[in-house]
Amino acid sequence: MRLAFSTRRKSEGLTYDVVAERSGIARRTVQRLENGEREGNIKTWFHLANAVGIDLPRLSKSLYEIPIDAANRDETK
């Protein structure tokens, strides 16, 4: 989920400061979550998702997707 969040934040051109202000979560906490230094609870990710303009189900979808290379390996068997 953190990679999807990071990609979205960067594609929207949002700084950590902007995300922190929009989400109400401390800037350093946002950085730590994005870098994988901390794990956030569902409420935290909800606020972060909203701050970058995406809903939580869409952000969490990345947790359940199979990487393309893994899917291709299964097709060749």
C-alpha atoms as a PDB file:
ATOM      1  CA  MET A   1       0.000   0.000   0.000  1.00  0.00           C
ATOM      2  CA  ARG A   2       2.874   2.326   0.762  1.00  0.00           C
ATOM      3  CA  LEU A   3       4.192   2.017  -2.800  1.00  0.00           C
ATOM      4  CA  ALA A   4       0.800   2.899  -4.253  1.00  0.00           C
ATOM      5  CA  PHE A   5       0.615   5.844  -1.863  1.00  0.00           C
ATOM      6  CA  SER A   6       4.110   7.013  -2.788  1.00  0.00           C
ATOM      7  CA  THR A   7       3.397   6.745  -6.508  1.00  0.00           C
ATOM      8  CA  ARG A   8       0.159   8.688  -6.150  1.00  0.00           C
ATOM      9  CA  ARG A   9       1.725  11.390  -3.960  1.00  0.00           C
ATOM     10  CA  LYS A  10       4.540  11.934  -6.431  1.00  0.00           C
ATOM     11  CA  SER A  11       2.292  11.843  -9.508  1.00  0.00           C
ATOM     12  CA  GLU A  12       0.112  14.524  -7.932  1.00  0.00           C
ATOM     13  CA  GLY A  13       3.197  16.595  -7.110  1.00  0.00           C
ATOM     14  CA  LEU A  14       2.387  16.639  -3.406  1.00  0.00           C
ATOM     15  CA  THR A  15       5.064  17.280  -0.819  1.00  0.00           C
ATOM     16  CA  TYR A  16       5.129  15.641   2.590  1.00  0.00           C
ATOM     17  CA  ASP A  17       4.124  18.994   4.062  1.00  0.00           C
ATOM     18  CA  VAL A  18       0.998  19.201   1.913  1.00  0.00           C
ATOM     19  CA  VAL A  19       0.004  15.611   2.688  1.00  0.00           C
ATOM     20  CA  ALA A  20       0.595  16.219   6.392  1.00  0.00           C
ATOM     21  CA  GLU A  21      -1.575  19.326   6.340  1.00  0.00           C
ATOM     22  CA  ARG A  22      -4.385  17.644   4.400  1.00  0.00           C
ATOM     23  CA  SER A  23      -4.360  14.453   6.455  1.00  0.00           C
ATOM     24  CA  GLY A  24      -3.672  15.817   9.919  1.00  0.00           C
ATOM     25  CA  ILE A  25      -0.769  13.377  10.252  1.00  0.00           C
ATOM     26  CA  ALA A  26       2.694  14.617  11.188  1.00  0.00           C
ATOM     27  CA  ARG A  27       5.091  15.102   8.283  1.00  0.00           C
ATOM     28  CA  ARG A  28       7.691  12.747   9.748  1.00  0.00           C
ATOM     29  CA  THR A  29       5.043  10.064  10.268  1.00  0.00           C
ATOM     30  CA  VAL A  30       3.991  10.372   6.620  1.00  0.00           C
ATOM     31  CA  GLN A  31       7.627   9.928   5.595  1.00  0.00           C
ATOM     32  CA  ARG A  32       8.094   6.912   7.843  1.00  0.00           C
ATOM     33  CA  LEU A  33       4.945   5.238   6.563  1.00  0.00           C
ATOM     34  CA  GLU A  34       5.889   5.841   2.950  1.00  0.00           C
ATOM     35  CA  ASN A  35       9.417   4.547   3.513  1.00  0.00           C
ATOM     36  CA  GLY A  36       8.208   1.450   5.349  1.00  0.00           C
ATOM     37  CA  GLU A  37       9.759   2.448   8.660  1.00  0.00           C
ATOM     38  CA  ARG A  38       6.330   2.277  10.309  1.00  0.00           C
ATOM     39  CA  GLU A  39       3.070   0.502   9.690  1.00  0.00           C
ATOM     40  CA  GLY A  40      -0.091   2.514   9.821  1.00  0.00           C
ATOM     41  CA  ASN A  41      -3.511   1.439  10.967  1.00  0.00           C
ATOM     42  CA  ILE A  42      -6.562   1.583   8.735  1.00  0.00           C
ATOM     43  CA  LYS A  43      -7.589   5.015  10.025  1.00  0.00           C
ATOM     44  CA  THR A  44      -4.162   6.469   9.218  1.00  0.00           C
ATOM     45  CA  TRP A  45      -4.175   5.051   5.678  1.00  0.00           C
ATOM     46  CA  PHE A  46      -7.729   6.324   5.200  1.00  0.00           C
ATOM     47  CA  HIS A  47      -6.597   9.872   5.936  1.00  0.00           C
ATOM     48  CA  LEU A  48      -3.484   9.526   3.781  1.00  0.00           C
ATOM     49  CA  ALA A  49      -5.478   8.150   0.867  1.00  0.00           C
ATOM     50  CA  ASN A  50      -7.884  11.069   1.064  1.00  0.00           C
ATOM     51  CA  ALA A  51      -4.981  13.509   1.273  1.00  0.00           C
ATOM     52  CA  VAL A  52      -3.630  12.318  -2.086  1.00  0.00           C
ATOM     53  CA  GLY A  53      -7.063  12.176  -3.708  1.00  0.00           C
ATOM     54  CA  ILE A  54      -7.697   8.446  -3.827  1.00  0.00           C
ATOM     55  CA  ASP A  55     -10.092   6.250  -1.892  1.00  0.00           C
ATOM     56  CA  LEU A  56      -8.817   3.614   0.507  1.00  0.00           C
ATOM     57  CA  PRO A  57     -10.136   0.578  -1.410  1.00  0.00           C
ATOM     58  CA  ARG A  58      -8.282   1.730  -4.520  1.00  0.00           C
ATOM     59  CA  LEU A  59      -5.116   2.390  -2.537  1.00  0.00           C
ATOM     60  CA  SER A  60      -5.288  -0.989  -0.812  1.00  0.00           C
ATOM     61  CA  LYS A  61      -5.986  -2.801  -4.084  1.00  0.00           C
ATOM     62  CA  SER A  62      -2.234  -2.976  -4.593  1.00  0.00           C
ATOM     63  CA  LEU A  63      -2.061  -5.415  -1.664  1.00  0.00           C
ATOM     64  CA  TYR A  64      -4.055  -7.988  -3.602  1.00  0.00           C
ATOM     65  CA  GLU A  65      -2.722  -7.612  -7.131  1.00  0.00           C
ATOM     66  CA  ILE A  66      -0.423 -10.243  -8.556  1.00  0.00           C
ATOM     67  CA  PRO A  67       2.737  -8.786 -10.080  1.00  0.00           C
ATOM     68  CA  ILE A  68       2.736  -9.028 -13.870  1.00  0.00           C
ATOM     69  CA  ASP A  69       5.884 -11.147 -14.007  1.00  0.00           C
ATOM     70  CA  ALA A  70       4.395 -13.660 -11.542  1.00  0.00           C
ATOM     71  CA  ALA A  71       1.173 -13.870 -13.546  1.00  0.00           C
ATOM     72  CA  ASN A  72       3.145 -14.495 -16.740  1.00  0.00           C
ATOM     73  CA  ARG A  73       5.084 -17.348 -15.113  1.00  0.00           C
ATOM     74  CA  ASP A  74       1.816 -19.065 -14.179  1.00  0.00           C
ATOM     75  CA  GLU A  75       0.507 -18.806 -17.745  1.00  0.00           C
ATOM     76  CA  THR A  76       3.525 -20.597 -19.181  1.00  0.00           C
ATOM     77  CA  LYS A  77       3.034 -23.732 -17.042  1.00  0.00           C
END
